[in-house]
Amino acid sequence: MSQRKNSLFSALLLINIYTLACGELASASSVSPAAAAVFKPAADSAFPLSLLSSSPEDPASNDYCTDLLHIFGQRYIAYVNCLVPAARPVKVCQNCFSSYGSFLEIYRNISSDEVGPGNESCRDRLLRSDRLMLVYLLYNNLKDMWSRSNCKQCITNHFNSLTNDTLYFMTIHNETITCFNKYEQGNHTELCKNCKSLYKDLNELYGGMEKNQTMCIDIEDAMNMTRRQWSKSFNCSLPREETVPVIAVSSFMVFLPIIFYLSSFLHSEQKKRKLIHPKRARSYTSMMNIQDKLS
């Protein structure tokens, strides 16, 4: 009896599940096309249609300007990707001048009055069509970084290569660092002795470039690191030639009061002698006259 009840209960349960499933399918099929259109964009919510589409009247839809903007983005990314690894030690000028030249070239094409297909310029459309002026803002940030690095002083006018002064400094600097590495593990006294000439030449070269304003941030950072190694890491010293006249002048200023008082003393003693001598002479003459009269 109990077995028949269980079989009947199972049959009723299967019938109810089937009925519910058919009801859900029917309700799903009864959704109107308009409602389906409302819910369709939800599947692509990560890419809103309002951001992907552009009306025919949108100036940015111009193919020529869009191509320029795409190239601008590619070269911007290439330059930034070059800057990050060159941040420490600083080599932003010597490693990234080529990518900056390409970036500058595409911006000049965008900002020029040159017209493309359709006799239309992209300057106003890409640079001044909105309040943010994003393209100009991105360009100006990288330009400011280039200017603050003084890279112009180390690169030729057309971004072809490094200047001769920069290449020569890098050669002497590499030779100096090679000398440091050679004697670094041994006695630092040997390092100070054997690398002194190279380090001195490097200092003189850096001083000339600093005076002539022909150095960039790469050279400045390299020299600072080299000086820190020489003085702090290796505890070496290099007497500078300009200290010799400074010491001479300082010594003269120290002994100047002594010389002054000594000369004053000698001069006063000599003057006393000259004043006393005539007095004695007159007294001697007067005594002789008195003796003559008495005699």
Protein backbone atom coordinates (compact mmCIF):
# COMPACT_ATOMS: atom_id res chain seq x y z
CA MET A 1 0.00 0.00 0.00
CA SER A 2 2.77 2.34 0.90
CA GLN A 3 4.55 1.50 -2.37
CA ARG A 4 1.46 2.57 -4.39
CA LYS A 5 1.33 5.88 -2.48
CA ASN A 6 4.98 6.61 -3.25
CA SER A 7 4.49 5.87 -6.95
CA LEU A 8 1.43 8.12 -7.09
CA PHE A 9 3.32 10.94 -5.32
CA SER A 10 6.25 10.69 -7.77
CA ALA A 11 3.92 10.83 -10.78
CA LEU A 12 2.15 13.94 -9.46
CA LEU A 13 5.54 15.64 -8.80
CA LEU A 14 6.74 15.02 -12.37
CA ILE A 15 3.47 16.40 -13.77
CA ASN A 16 3.81 19.62 -11.71
CA ILE A 17 7.46 20.17 -12.80
CA TYR A 18 6.52 19.71 -16.46
CA THR A 19 3.59 22.14 -16.12
CA LEU A 20 5.82 24.84 -14.54
CA ALA A 21 8.50 24.44 -17.21
CA CYS A 22 5.96 24.81 -20.01
CA GLY A 23 4.53 27.92 -18.34
CA GLU A 24 7.96 29.61 -18.15
CA LEU A 25 8.68 28.84 -21.80
CA ALA A 26 5.37 30.28 -22.83
CA SER A 27 5.92 33.47 -20.84
CA ALA A 28 9.39 33.88 -22.33
CA SER A 29 8.07 33.47 -25.85
CA SER A 30 5.36 36.03 -25.21
CA VAL A 31 7.87 38.90 -24.65
CA SER A 32 7.27 41.62 -27.20
CA PRO A 33 10.00 42.66 -29.67
CA ALA A 34 10.02 46.16 -28.14
CA ALA A 35 10.80 44.75 -24.71
CA ALA A 36 13.49 42.55 -26.18
CA ALA A 37 15.05 45.62 -27.79
CA VAL A 38 15.08 47.36 -24.42
CA PHE A 39 17.00 44.56 -22.71
CA LYS A 40 19.38 43.80 -25.59
CA PRO A 41 22.02 46.48 -24.86
CA ALA A 42 22.41 45.10 -21.35
CA ALA A 43 24.45 42.24 -22.77
CA ASP A 44 26.87 44.77 -24.26
CA SER A 45 26.81 47.20 -21.34
CA ALA A 46 30.62 47.30 -21.25
CA PHE A 47 30.57 49.05 -24.64
CA PRO A 48 27.73 51.59 -24.65
CA LEU A 49 26.49 52.33 -28.11
CA SER A 50 26.44 56.04 -27.36
CA LEU A 51 30.26 56.02 -27.06
CA LEU A 52 30.96 53.88 -30.06
CA SER A 53 28.76 55.47 -32.64
CA SER A 54 29.19 58.86 -34.24
CA SER A 55 26.71 60.80 -36.26
CA PRO A 56 27.54 61.74 -39.85
CA GLU A 57 27.74 65.37 -38.77
CA ASP A 58 30.42 64.62 -36.12
CA PRO A 59 33.70 66.29 -37.27
CA ALA A 60 35.74 63.56 -35.60
CA SER A 61 34.34 61.03 -38.04
CA ASN A 62 36.68 62.36 -40.73
CA ASP A 63 38.91 59.45 -41.72
CA TYR A 64 42.02 61.58 -42.25
CA CYS A 65 41.80 63.24 -38.84
CA THR A 66 40.98 59.93 -37.19
CA ASP A 67 44.10 58.38 -38.68
CA LEU A 68 46.23 61.24 -37.39
CA LEU A 69 44.71 60.88 -33.94
CA HIS A 70 45.39 57.14 -33.97
CA ILE A 71 49.05 57.68 -34.91
CA PHE A 72 49.33 60.35 -32.23
CA GLY A 73 48.13 57.86 -29.62
CA GLN A 74 50.56 55.18 -30.78
CA ARG A 75 53.58 57.49 -30.64
CA TYR A 76 52.51 58.94 -27.31
CA ILE A 77 52.42 55.44 -25.82
CA ALA A 78 55.79 54.58 -27.41
CA TYR A 79 57.45 57.62 -25.86
CA VAL A 80 55.96 57.02 -22.41
CA ASN A 81 57.00 53.37 -22.52
CA CYS A 82 60.53 54.55 -23.26
CA LEU A 83 60.55 57.08 -20.41
CA VAL A 84 59.62 54.68 -17.61
CA PRO A 85 62.67 52.34 -17.86
CA ALA A 86 64.93 55.38 -18.41
CA ALA A 87 63.88 57.05 -15.17
CA ARG A 88 66.63 55.50 -13.00
CA PRO A 89 69.45 55.95 -13.84
CA VAL A 90 68.30 58.92 -15.86
CA LYS A 91 68.71 58.30 -19.59
CA VAL A 92 65.59 59.99 -20.91
CA CYS A 93 67.52 62.02 -23.49
CA GLN A 94 69.90 59.46 -24.91
CA ASN A 95 67.39 56.59 -24.99
CA CYS A 96 64.15 58.35 -25.97
CA PHE A 97 65.09 61.20 -28.32
CA SER A 98 64.04 59.21 -31.38
CA SER A 99 60.56 58.40 -30.05
CA TYR A 100 60.09 62.01 -28.92
CA GLY A 101 61.05 63.23 -32.40
CA SER A 102 58.41 60.98 -33.95
CA PHE A 103 55.83 62.14 -31.40
CA LEU A 104 56.64 65.78 -32.12
CA GLU A 105 56.35 65.19 -35.85
CA ILE A 106 52.80 63.83 -35.68
CA TYR A 107 51.69 66.66 -33.41
CA ARG A 108 53.04 69.18 -35.89
CA ASN A 109 51.02 67.50 -38.61
CA ILE A 110 47.90 67.78 -36.47
CA SER A 111 48.49 71.40 -35.47
CA SER A 112 49.50 72.64 -38.92
CA ASP A 113 47.27 74.43 -41.41
CA GLU A 114 47.88 71.71 -43.99
CA VAL A 115 44.62 70.31 -45.34
CA GLY A 116 43.96 66.68 -45.97
CA PRO A 117 41.40 64.91 -48.14
CA GLY A 118 38.30 67.01 -48.44
CA ASN A 119 40.27 70.25 -48.09
CA GLU A 120 39.82 70.26 -44.33
CA SER A 121 42.37 70.87 -41.57
CA CYS A 122 42.42 68.75 -38.43
CA ARG A 123 43.85 71.43 -36.14
CA ASP A 124 40.57 72.89 -34.97
CA ARG A 125 38.77 69.56 -34.93
CA LEU A 126 41.33 67.71 -32.80
CA LEU A 127 42.81 70.51 -30.71
CA ARG A 128 40.09 73.11 -30.13
CA SER A 129 36.78 71.39 -30.52
CA ASP A 130 36.20 70.91 -26.77
CA ARG A 131 37.03 72.59 -23.49
CA LEU A 132 39.41 69.86 -22.30
CA MET A 133 41.65 69.96 -25.39
CA LEU A 134 43.02 66.55 -24.48
CA VAL A 135 45.42 66.20 -27.42
CA TYR A 136 47.06 69.53 -26.65
CA LEU A 137 47.17 68.70 -22.94
CA LEU A 138 48.96 65.40 -23.54
CA TYR A 139 51.42 67.02 -25.91
CA ASN A 140 52.13 69.91 -23.55
CA ASN A 141 52.89 67.58 -20.63
CA LEU A 142 55.51 65.64 -22.59
CA LYS A 143 56.95 68.81 -24.06
CA ASP A 144 57.35 70.29 -20.57
CA MET A 145 59.13 67.13 -19.42
CA TRP A 146 61.49 67.33 -22.40
CA SER A 147 62.24 71.00 -21.73
CA ARG A 148 62.87 70.52 -18.01
CA SER A 149 65.31 67.72 -18.84
CA ASN A 150 67.32 70.07 -21.11
CA CYS A 151 67.47 67.26 -23.66
CA LYS A 152 67.73 69.81 -26.45
CA GLN A 153 71.30 70.54 -25.38
CA CYS A 154 72.36 66.92 -25.90
CA ILE A 155 70.50 66.13 -29.15
CA THR A 156 71.08 67.39 -32.68
CA ASN A 157 68.51 69.73 -34.21
CA HIS A 158 66.68 67.09 -36.26
CA PHE A 159 66.69 64.37 -33.57
CA ASN A 160 69.19 62.35 -35.57
CA SER A 161 71.75 61.58 -32.86
CA LEU A 162 73.46 62.76 -29.71
CA THR A 163 75.82 65.75 -29.95
CA ASN A 164 79.58 65.23 -30.15
CA ASP A 165 80.10 66.74 -26.69
CA THR A 166 77.59 64.32 -25.20
CA LEU A 167 79.16 61.32 -26.91
CA TYR A 168 82.64 62.35 -25.73
CA PHE A 169 81.44 62.80 -22.15
CA MET A 170 79.77 59.39 -22.21
CA THR A 171 83.02 57.83 -23.46
CA ILE A 172 85.11 59.33 -20.64
CA HIS A 173 82.41 58.48 -18.13
CA ASN A 174 82.30 54.84 -19.23
CA GLU A 175 86.10 54.61 -18.95
CA THR A 176 85.95 56.07 -15.44
CA ILE A 177 83.25 53.63 -14.33
CA THR A 178 85.23 50.75 -15.84
CA CYS A 179 88.23 51.81 -13.77
CA PHE A 180 86.06 51.96 -10.64
CA ASN A 181 84.77 48.45 -11.28
CA LYS A 182 88.29 47.13 -11.84
CA TYR A 183 89.63 48.23 -8.44
CA GLU A 184 86.37 48.23 -6.49
CA GLN A 185 86.93 44.86 -4.81
CA GLY A 186 90.49 45.59 -3.79
CA ASN A 187 92.13 48.35 -1.80
CA HIS A 188 90.41 51.65 -2.42
CA THR A 189 93.77 53.38 -2.15
CA GLU A 190 94.71 51.74 -5.43
CA LEU A 191 91.44 52.87 -6.93
CA CYS A 192 92.01 56.47 -5.87
CA LYS A 193 95.51 56.37 -7.30
CA ASN A 194 94.85 54.59 -10.60
CA CYS A 195 91.50 56.24 -11.45
CA LYS A 196 92.50 59.74 -10.38
CA SER A 197 93.51 60.87 -13.87
CA LEU A 198 90.29 59.68 -15.53
CA TYR A 199 88.14 61.15 -12.79
CA LYS A 200 89.97 64.47 -13.02
CA ASP A 201 89.44 64.62 -16.81
CA LEU A 202 85.76 63.82 -16.34
CA ASN A 203 85.38 66.63 -13.80
CA GLU A 204 87.07 69.14 -16.07
CA LEU A 205 84.91 68.08 -19.00
CA TYR A 206 81.75 68.38 -16.92
CA GLY A 207 82.77 71.83 -15.70
CA GLY A 208 83.27 73.02 -19.28
CA MET A 209 79.89 71.65 -20.38
CA GLU A 210 78.20 73.26 -17.38
CA LYS A 211 79.78 76.59 -18.23
CA ASN A 212 78.86 76.35 -21.93
CA GLN A 213 75.35 75.05 -21.17
CA THR A 214 75.78 71.94 -23.32
CA MET A 215 74.63 69.31 -20.83
CA CYS A 216 71.28 67.66 -20.17
CA ILE A 217 69.77 65.77 -17.25
CA ASP A 218 71.47 62.53 -18.32
CA ILE A 219 74.95 64.04 -17.94
CA GLU A 220 74.05 65.82 -14.72
CA ASP A 221 72.73 62.65 -13.11
CA ALA A 222 75.66 60.54 -14.31
CA MET A 223 78.17 63.03 -12.88
CA ASN A 224 76.35 63.25 -9.55
CA MET A 225 76.37 59.47 -9.18
CA THR A 226 80.07 59.29 -10.12
CA ARG A 227 81.01 61.96 -7.60
CA ARG A 228 79.01 60.17 -4.93
CA GLN A 229 80.91 56.96 -5.63
CA TRP A 230 84.29 58.71 -5.63
CA SER A 231 83.84 60.61 -2.38
CA LYS A 232 81.42 58.53 -0.29
CA SER A 233 81.72 54.95 -1.50
CA PHE A 234 85.49 54.94 -2.15
CA ASN A 235 86.45 57.80 0.22
CA CYS A 236 88.74 59.35 -2.41
CA SER A 237 89.61 63.01 -2.75
CA LEU A 238 90.81 65.17 -5.61
CA PRO A 239 92.56 68.47 -4.83
CA ARG A 240 91.16 71.08 -7.12
CA GLU A 241 93.56 73.50 -8.80
CA GLU A 242 91.55 76.56 -7.88
CA THR A 243 92.16 75.85 -4.18
CA VAL A 244 95.85 76.81 -4.53
CA PRO A 245 95.27 80.52 -5.12
CA VAL A 246 92.51 80.47 -2.52
CA ILE A 247 94.90 79.09 0.09
CA ALA A 248 97.57 81.62 -0.92
CA VAL A 249 95.19 84.55 -0.58
CA SER A 250 93.83 83.23 2.71
CA SER A 251 97.34 82.85 4.12
CA PHE A 252 98.23 86.37 3.05
CA MET A 253 95.10 87.74 4.74
CA VAL A 254 96.00 85.89 7.97
CA PHE A 255 99.55 87.25 8.08
CA LEU A 256 98.57 90.72 6.88
CA PRO A 257 97.90 92.13 10.40
CA ILE A 258 101.23 90.71 11.63
CA ILE A 259 103.08 92.28 8.72
CA PHE A 260 101.27 95.56 9.31
CA TYR A 261 102.14 95.76 13.02
CA LEU A 262 105.71 94.61 12.45
CA SER A 263 106.28 97.23 9.75
CA SER A 264 104.70 99.89 11.97
CA PHE A 265 106.95 98.94 14.88
CA LEU A 266 110.12 99.03 12.77
CA HIS A 267 109.14 102.32 11.23
CA SER A 268 108.50 103.90 14.64
CA GLU A 269 111.82 102.66 16.03
CA GLN A 270 113.68 104.09 13.08
CA LYS A 271 111.90 107.40 13.51
CA LYS A 272 112.88 107.52 17.18
CA ARG A 273 116.51 107.12 16.31
CA LYS A 274 116.34 109.98 13.84
CA LEU A 275 114.71 112.26 16.43
CA ILE A 276 117.09 111.44 19.28
CA HIS A 277 120.33 111.71 17.31
CA PRO A 278 120.13 115.48 16.57
CA LYS A 279 119.27 116.20 20.25
CA ARG A 280 122.38 114.41 21.44
CA ALA A 281 124.42 116.20 18.85
CA ARG A 282 123.23 119.62 20.04
CA SER A 283 123.86 118.80 23.68
CA TYR A 284 127.39 117.65 22.88
CA THR A 285 128.08 120.89 20.96
CA SER A 286 126.76 123.03 23.80
CA MET A 287 129.01 121.25 26.34
CA MET A 288 132.01 121.84 24.17
CA ASN A 289 131.22 125.54 24.00
CA ILE A 290 130.91 125.72 27.80
CA GLN A 291 134.25 124.00 28.31
CA ASP A 292 135.89 126.42 25.89
CA LYS A 293 134.56 129.40 27.76
CA LEU A 294 135.67 128.03 31.10
CA SER A 295 139.12 127.35 29.82
